[in-house]
PDB file of N, CA and C in Angstrom:
ATOM      1  N   MET A   1       5.993 -87.006 -29.076  1.00  0.00           N
ATOM      2  CA  MET A   1       6.885 -87.248 -27.975  1.00  0.00           C
ATOM      3  C   MET A   1       6.218 -86.796 -26.695  1.00  0.00           C
ATOM      4  N   ARG A   2       6.403 -87.584 -25.694  1.00  0.00           N
ATOM      5  CA  ARG A   2       5.837 -87.248 -24.393  1.00  0.00           C
ATOM      6  C   ARG A   2       6.834 -86.489 -23.515  1.00  0.00           C
ATOM      7  N   SER A   3       8.126 -86.646 -23.798  1.00  0.00           N
ATOM      8  CA  SER A   3       9.142 -85.983 -22.980  1.00  0.00           C
ATOM      9  C   SER A   3      10.425 -85.844 -23.782  1.00  0.00           C
ATOM     10  N   PRO A   4      11.336 -84.984 -23.307  1.00  0.00           N
ATOM     11  CA  PRO A   4      12.639 -84.914 -23.954  1.00  0.00           C
ATOM     12  C   PRO A   4      13.382 -86.252 -23.915  1.00  0.00           C
ATOM     13  N   GLN A   5      13.114 -87.060 -22.904  1.00  0.00           N
ATOM     14  CA  GLN A   5      13.742 -88.385 -22.844  1.00  0.00           C
ATOM     15  C   GLN A   5      13.254 -89.263 -23.996  1.00  0.00           C
ATOM     16  N   ASP A   6      11.953 -89.213 -24.302  1.00  0.00           N
ATOM     17  CA  ASP A   6      11.410 -89.934 -25.458  1.00  0.00           C
ATOM     18  C   ASP A   6      12.013 -89.406 -26.756  1.00  0.00           C
ATOM     19  N   ALA A   7      12.144 -88.093 -26.829  1.00  0.00           N
ATOM     20  CA  ALA A   7      12.725 -87.473 -28.026  1.00  0.00           C
ATOM     21  C   ALA A   7      14.159 -87.945 -28.223  1.00  0.00           C
ATOM     22  N   LEU A   8      14.922 -87.999 -27.145  1.00  0.00           N
ATOM     23  CA  LEU A   8      16.305 -88.448 -27.243  1.00  0.00           C
ATOM     24  C   LEU A   8      16.372 -89.880 -27.775  1.00  0.00           C
ATOM     25  N   TYR A   9      15.531 -90.749 -27.251  1.00  0.00           N
ATOM     26  CA  TYR A   9      15.511 -92.135 -27.719  1.00  0.00           C
ATOM     27  C   TYR A   9      15.213 -92.183 -29.225  1.00  0.00           C
ATOM     28  N   ALA A  10      14.216 -91.419 -29.660  1.00  0.00           N
ATOM     29  CA  ALA A  10      13.861 -91.398 -31.084  1.00  0.00           C
ATOM     30  C   ALA A  10      15.012 -90.868 -31.929  1.00  0.00           C
ATOM     31  N   LEU A  11      15.623 -89.786 -31.490  1.00  0.00           N
ATOM     32  CA  LEU A  11      16.712 -89.161 -32.257  1.00  0.00           C
ATOM     33  C   LEU A  11      17.921 -90.079 -32.400  1.00  0.00           C
ATOM     34  N   VAL A  12      18.183 -90.883 -31.387  1.00  0.00           N
ATOM     35  CA  VAL A  12      19.359 -91.756 -31.394  1.00  0.00           C
ATOM     36  C   VAL A  12      19.049 -93.119 -32.006  1.00  0.00           C
ATOM     37  N   SER A  13      17.865 -93.646 -31.745  1.00  0.00           N
ATOM     38  CA  SER A  13      17.561 -95.027 -32.123  1.00  0.00           C
ATOM     39  C   SER A  13      16.780 -95.182 -33.424  1.00  0.00           C
ATOM     40  N   ASP A  14      15.815 -94.298 -33.659  1.00  0.00           N
ATOM     41  CA  ASP A  14      14.871 -94.515 -34.754  1.00  0.00           C
ATOM     42  C   ASP A  14      14.887 -93.435 -35.824  1.00  0.00           C
ATOM     43  N   TRP A  15      15.841 -92.548 -35.789  1.00  0.00           N
ATOM     44  CA  TRP A  15      15.816 -91.400 -36.693  1.00  0.00           C
ATOM     45  C   TRP A  15      16.161 -91.826 -38.114  1.00  0.00           C
ATOM     46  N   PRO A  16      15.409 -91.362 -39.114  1.00  0.00           N
ATOM     47  CA  PRO A  16      15.642 -91.809 -40.496  1.00  0.00           C
ATOM     48  C   PRO A  16      16.878 -91.195 -41.150  1.00  0.00           C
ATOM     49  N   VAL A  17      17.380 -90.103 -40.597  1.00  0.00           N
ATOM     50  CA  VAL A  17      18.538 -89.412 -41.169  1.00  0.00           C
ATOM     51  C   VAL A  17      19.561 -89.237 -40.055  1.00  0.00           C
ATOM     52  N   ASN A  18      20.798 -89.598 -40.322  1.00  0.00           N
ATOM     53  CA  ASN A  18      21.848 -89.405 -39.323  1.00  0.00           C
ATOM     54  C   ASN A  18      22.766 -88.273 -39.741  1.00  0.00           C
ATOM     55  N   ALA A  19      23.350 -87.633 -38.762  1.00  0.00           N
ATOM     56  CA  ALA A  19      24.354 -86.592 -38.958  1.00  0.00           C
ATOM     57  C   ALA A  19      23.768 -85.263 -39.419  1.00  0.00           C
ATOM     58  N   GLY A  20      22.468 -85.056 -39.201  1.00  0.00           N
ATOM     59  CA  GLY A  20      21.888 -83.759 -39.497  1.00  0.00           C
ATOM     60  C   GLY A  20      22.302 -82.751 -38.442  1.00  0.00           C
ATOM     61  N   VAL A  21      22.474 -81.509 -38.848  1.00  0.00           N
ATOM     62  CA  VAL A  21      22.866 -80.450 -37.919  1.00  0.00           C
ATOM     63  C   VAL A  21      21.815 -80.295 -36.823  1.00  0.00           C
ATOM     64  N   HIS A  22      20.543 -80.255 -37.209  1.00  0.00           N
ATOM     65  CA  HIS A  22      19.484 -80.074 -36.227  1.00  0.00           C
ATOM     66  C   HIS A  22      19.289 -81.327 -35.380  1.00  0.00           C
ATOM     67  N   GLN A  23      19.533 -82.491 -35.951  1.00  0.00           N
ATOM     68  CA  GLN A  23      19.451 -83.725 -35.170  1.00  0.00           C
ATOM     69  C   GLN A  23      20.471 -83.691 -34.034  1.00  0.00           C
ATOM     70  N   GLN A  24      21.695 -83.362 -34.339  1.00  0.00           N
ATOM     71  CA  GLN A  24      22.736 -83.339 -33.309  1.00  0.00           C
ATOM     72  C   GLN A  24      22.438 -82.296 -32.238  1.00  0.00           C
ATOM     73  N   ARG A  25      21.958 -81.144 -32.662  1.00  0.00           N
ATOM     74  CA  ARG A  25      21.623 -80.096 -31.697  1.00  0.00           C
ATOM     75  C   ARG A  25      20.487 -80.566 -30.785  1.00  0.00           C
ATOM     76  N   ALA A  26      19.487 -81.225 -31.353  1.00  0.00           N
ATOM     77  CA  ALA A  26      18.372 -81.732 -30.548  1.00  0.00           C
ATOM     78  C   ALA A  26      18.858 -82.794 -29.561  1.00  0.00           C
ATOM     79  N   ILE A  27      19.760 -83.655 -29.996  1.00  0.00           N
ATOM     80  CA  ILE A  27      20.347 -84.658 -29.094  1.00  0.00           C
ATOM     81  C   ILE A  27      21.059 -83.961 -27.940  1.00  0.00           C
ATOM     82  N   ASP A  28      21.863 -82.961 -28.269  1.00  0.00           N
ATOM     83  CA  ASP A  28      22.589 -82.219 -27.229  1.00  0.00           C
ATOM     84  C   ASP A  28      21.616 -81.539 -26.264  1.00  0.00           C
ATOM     85  N   PHE A  29      20.534 -80.964 -26.789  1.00  0.00           N
ATOM     86  CA  PHE A  29      19.553 -80.286 -25.951  1.00  0.00           C
ATOM     87  C   PHE A  29      18.822 -81.281 -25.058  1.00  0.00           C
ATOM     88  N   CYS A  30      18.479 -82.457 -25.590  1.00  0.00           N
ATOM     89  CA  CYS A  30      17.831 -83.491 -24.771  1.00  0.00           C
ATOM     90  C   CYS A  30      18.736 -83.906 -23.622  1.00  0.00           C
ATOM     91  N   ARG A  31      20.002 -84.094 -23.912  1.00  0.00           N
ATOM     92  CA  ARG A  31      20.952 -84.472 -22.864  1.00  0.00           C
ATOM     93  C   ARG A  31      21.099 -83.358 -21.835  1.00  0.00           C
ATOM     94  N   ALA A  32      21.081 -82.115 -22.284  1.00  0.00           N
ATOM     95  CA  ALA A  32      21.151 -80.984 -21.356  1.00  0.00           C
ATOM     96  C   ALA A  32      19.907 -80.944 -20.471  1.00  0.00           C
ATOM     97  N   TRP A  33      18.732 -81.270 -21.044  1.00  0.00           N
ATOM     98  CA  TRP A  33      17.511 -81.333 -20.246  1.00  0.00           C
ATOM     99  C   TRP A  33      17.633 -82.407 -19.159  1.00  0.00           C
ATOM    100  N   LEU A  34      18.156 -83.568 -19.539  1.00  0.00           N
ATOM    101  CA  LEU A  34      18.333 -84.644 -18.558  1.00  0.00           C
ATOM    102  C   LEU A  34      19.249 -84.216 -17.414  1.00  0.00           C
ATOM    103  N   ALA A  35      20.199 -83.336 -17.708  1.00  0.00           N
ATOM    104  CA  ALA A  35      21.129 -82.838 -16.687  1.00  0.00           C
ATOM    105  C   ALA A  35      20.574 -81.614 -15.953  1.00  0.00           C
ATOM    106  N   GLY A  36      19.350 -81.193 -16.302  1.00  0.00           N
ATOM    107  CA  GLY A  36      18.733 -80.056 -15.634  1.00  0.00           C
ATOM    108  C   GLY A  36      19.199 -78.704 -16.114  1.00  0.00           C
ATOM    109  N   ARG A  37      19.764 -78.650 -17.325  1.00  0.00           N
ATOM    110  CA  ARG A  37      20.326 -77.391 -17.827  1.00  0.00           C
ATOM    111  C   ARG A  37      19.557 -76.796 -19.005  1.00  0.00           C
ATOM    112  N   MET A  38      18.416 -77.388 -19.380  1.00  0.00           N
ATOM    113  CA  MET A  38      17.702 -76.916 -20.559  1.00  0.00           C
ATOM    114  C   MET A  38      16.204 -77.048 -20.314  1.00  0.00           C
ATOM    115  N   PRO A  39      15.420 -76.001 -20.617  1.00  0.00           N
ATOM    116  CA  PRO A  39      13.973 -76.127 -20.463  1.00  0.00           C
ATOM    117  C   PRO A  39      13.368 -77.043 -21.537  1.00  0.00           C
ATOM    118  N   ALA A  40      12.334 -77.753 -21.173  1.00  0.00           N
ATOM    119  CA  ALA A  40      11.692 -78.701 -22.088  1.00  0.00           C
ATOM    120  C   ALA A  40      11.181 -78.014 -23.357  1.00  0.00           C
ATOM    121  N   GLU A  41      10.690 -76.792 -23.247  1.00  0.00           N
ATOM    122  CA  GLU A  41      10.179 -76.081 -24.423  1.00  0.00           C
ATOM    123  C   GLU A  41      11.285 -75.848 -25.454  1.00  0.00           C
ATOM    124  N   THR A  42      12.477 -75.546 -25.007  1.00  0.00           N
ATOM    125  CA  THR A  42      13.610 -75.355 -25.918  1.00  0.00           C
ATOM    126  C   THR A  42      13.957 -76.671 -26.600  1.00  0.00           C
ATOM    127  N   VAL A  43      13.884 -77.761 -25.855  1.00  0.00           N
ATOM    128  CA  VAL A  43      14.137 -79.080 -26.429  1.00  0.00           C
ATOM    129  C   VAL A  43      13.080 -79.400 -27.481  1.00  0.00           C
ATOM    130  N   ARG A  44      11.830 -79.086 -27.181  1.00  0.00           N
ATOM    131  CA  ARG A  44      10.742 -79.341 -28.139  1.00  0.00           C
ATOM    132  C   ARG A  44      10.975 -78.592 -29.447  1.00  0.00           C
ATOM    133  N   GLN A  45      11.400 -77.347 -29.349  1.00  0.00           N
ATOM    134  CA  GLN A  45      11.667 -76.558 -30.552  1.00  0.00           C
ATOM    135  C   GLN A  45      12.820 -77.158 -31.352  1.00  0.00           C
ATOM    136  N   ALA A  46      13.865 -77.595 -30.667  1.00  0.00           N
ATOM    137  CA  ALA A  46      14.997 -78.214 -31.360  1.00  0.00           C
ATOM    138  C   ALA A  46      14.577 -79.517 -32.021  1.00  0.00           C
ATOM    139  N   PHE A  47      13.742 -80.299 -31.340  1.00  0.00           N
ATOM    140  CA  PHE A  47      13.246 -81.547 -31.907  1.00  0.00           C
ATOM    141  C   PHE A  47      12.413 -81.272 -33.159  1.00  0.00           C
ATOM    142  N   THR A  48      11.591 -80.240 -33.114  1.00  0.00           N
ATOM    143  CA  THR A  48      10.768 -79.879 -34.271  1.00  0.00           C
ATOM    144  C   THR A  48      11.643 -79.533 -35.469  1.00  0.00           C
ATOM    145  N   LEU A  49      12.710 -78.778 -35.252  1.00  0.00           N
ATOM    146  CA  LEU A  49      13.623 -78.440 -36.351  1.00  0.00           C
ATOM    147  C   LEU A  49      14.310 -79.695 -36.894  1.00  0.00           C
ATOM    148  N   ALA A  50      14.692 -80.597 -36.004  1.00  0.00           N
ATOM    149  CA  ALA A  50      15.319 -81.849 -36.446  1.00  0.00           C
ATOM    150  C   ALA A  50      14.337 -82.673 -37.266  1.00  0.00           C
ATOM    151  N   ALA A  51      13.082 -82.681 -36.858  1.00  0.00           N
ATOM    152  CA  ALA A  51      12.065 -83.422 -37.603  1.00  0.00           C
ATOM    153  C   ALA A  51      11.862 -82.828 -38.989  1.00  0.00           C
ATOM    154  N   LEU A  52      11.821 -81.515 -39.072  1.00  0.00           N
ATOM    155  CA  LEU A  52      11.697 -80.857 -40.378  1.00  0.00           C
ATOM    156  C   LEU A  52      12.890 -81.197 -41.266  1.00  0.00           C
ATOM    157  N   GLU A  53      14.071 -81.162 -40.693  1.00  0.00           N
ATOM    158  CA  GLU A  53      15.293 -81.481 -41.428  1.00  0.00           C
ATOM    159  C   GLU A  53      15.249 -82.902 -41.988  1.00  0.00           C
ATOM    160  N   ALA A  54      14.686 -83.843 -41.205  1.00  0.00           N
ATOM    161  CA  ALA A  54      14.673 -85.253 -41.596  1.00  0.00           C
ATOM    162  C   ALA A  54      13.416 -85.647 -42.364  1.00  0.00           C
ATOM    163  N   GLY A  55      12.458 -84.723 -42.494  1.00  0.00           N
ATOM    164  CA  GLY A  55      11.218 -85.046 -43.169  1.00  0.00           C
ATOM    165  C   GLY A  55      10.289 -85.922 -42.342  1.00  0.00           C
ATOM    166  N   VAL A  56      10.407 -85.832 -41.017  1.00  0.00           N
ATOM    167  CA  VAL A  56       9.565 -86.599 -40.101  1.00  0.00           C
ATOM    168  C   VAL A  56       8.337 -85.762 -39.773  1.00  0.00           C
ATOM    169  N   ALA A  57       7.159 -86.354 -39.910  1.00  0.00           N
ATOM    170  CA  ALA A  57       5.913 -85.636 -39.632  1.00  0.00           C
ATOM    171  C   ALA A  57       5.765 -85.394 -38.139  1.00  0.00           C
ATOM    172  N   ILE A  58       5.333 -84.191 -37.801  1.00  0.00           N
ATOM    173  CA  ILE A  58       5.099 -83.808 -36.411  1.00  0.00           C
ATOM    174  C   ILE A  58       3.619 -83.474 -36.261  1.00  0.00           C
ATOM    175  N   ASN A  59       3.009 -83.998 -35.227  1.00  0.00           N
ATOM    176  CA  ASN A  59       1.624 -83.662 -34.902  1.00  0.00           C
ATOM    177  C   ASN A  59       1.624 -82.881 -33.608  1.00  0.00           C
ATOM    178  N   ASP A  60       1.301 -81.599 -33.673  1.00  0.00           N
ATOM    179  CA  ASP A  60       1.203 -80.788 -32.465  1.00  0.00           C
ATOM    180  C   ASP A  60      -0.222 -80.940 -31.963  1.00  0.00           C
ATOM    181  N   TYR A  61      -0.465 -82.026 -31.248  1.00  0.00           N
ATOM    182  CA  TYR A  61      -1.811 -82.457 -30.914  1.00  0.00           C
ATOM    183  C   TYR A  61      -2.511 -81.615 -29.869  1.00  0.00           C
ATOM    184  N   ASP A  62      -1.792 -80.939 -28.994  1.00  0.00           N
ATOM    185  CA  ASP A  62      -2.482 -80.137 -27.987  1.00  0.00           C
ATOM    186  C   ASP A  62      -1.840 -78.766 -27.762  1.00  0.00           C
ATOM    187  N   GLY A  63      -0.893 -78.423 -28.593  1.00  0.00           N
ATOM    188  CA  GLY A  63      -0.235 -77.135 -28.449  1.00  0.00           C
ATOM    189  C   GLY A  63       0.830 -77.118 -27.378  1.00  0.00           C
ATOM    190  N   ALA A  64       0.873 -78.126 -26.529  1.00  0.00           N
ATOM    191  CA  ALA A  64       1.843 -78.150 -25.440  1.00  0.00           C
ATOM    192  C   ALA A  64       3.052 -78.998 -25.775  1.00  0.00           C
ATOM    193  N   GLY A  65       2.951 -79.827 -26.777  1.00  0.00           N
ATOM    194  CA  GLY A  65       4.060 -80.700 -27.117  1.00  0.00           C
ATOM    195  C   GLY A  65       3.902 -81.248 -28.503  1.00  0.00           C
ATOM    196  N   SER A  66       4.884 -81.982 -28.923  1.00  0.00           N
ATOM    197  CA  SER A  66       4.868 -82.554 -30.263  1.00  0.00           C
ATOM    198  C   SER A  66       4.971 -84.049 -30.165  1.00  0.00           C
ATOM    199  N   SER A  67       4.434 -84.700 -31.148  1.00  0.00           N
ATOM    200  CA  SER A  67       4.639 -86.142 -31.250  1.00  0.00           C
ATOM    201  C   SER A  67       4.971 -86.443 -32.693  1.00  0.00           C
ATOM    202  N   VAL A  68       5.776 -87.435 -32.878  1.00  0.00           N
ATOM    203  CA  VAL A  68       6.154 -87.840 -34.221  1.00  0.00           C
ATOM    204  C   VAL A  68       5.021 -88.645 -34.797  1.00  0.00           C
ATOM    205  N   GLY A  69       4.686 -88.386 -36.050  1.00  0.00           N
ATOM    206  CA  GLY A  69       3.604 -89.103 -36.693  1.00  0.00           C
ATOM    207  C   GLY A  69       4.004 -90.470 -37.193  1.00  0.00           C
ATOM    208  N   ASN A  70       5.046 -91.039 -36.687  1.00  0.00           N
ATOM    209  CA  ASN A  70       5.533 -92.354 -37.080  1.00  0.00           C
ATOM    210  C   ASN A  70       5.392 -93.279 -35.877  1.00  0.00           C
ATOM    211  N   PRO A  71       4.639 -94.375 -35.984  1.00  0.00           N
ATOM    212  CA  PRO A  71       4.433 -95.228 -34.827  1.00  0.00           C
ATOM    213  C   PRO A  71       5.701 -95.879 -34.294  1.00  0.00           C
ATOM    214  N   LEU A  72       6.771 -95.899 -35.062  1.00  0.00           N
ATOM    215  CA  LEU A  72       8.008 -96.499 -34.597  1.00  0.00           C
ATOM    216  C   LEU A  72       8.789 -95.565 -33.697  1.00  0.00           C
ATOM    217  N   VAL A  73       8.446 -94.311 -33.718  1.00  0.00           N
ATOM    218  CA  VAL A  73       9.190 -93.327 -32.935  1.00  0.00           C
ATOM    219  C   VAL A  73       8.504 -93.083 -31.622  1.00  0.00           C
TER     220      VAL A  73
END
């Protein structure tokens, strides 16, 4: 993911598991980031937990962010 906005799109549109606790929290955190109420690092951590919950591979390619190892996301 390049941004919390990208993460939100993936969580809502392309996520393999729906109704996960961590998925919903990550969605809420992404929306809070868009409203200026949440730091991007906190959103990244929530997204990582949602990915673990859903079995989605995460590549921490530069230590500064995460990307989903699925080309559809």
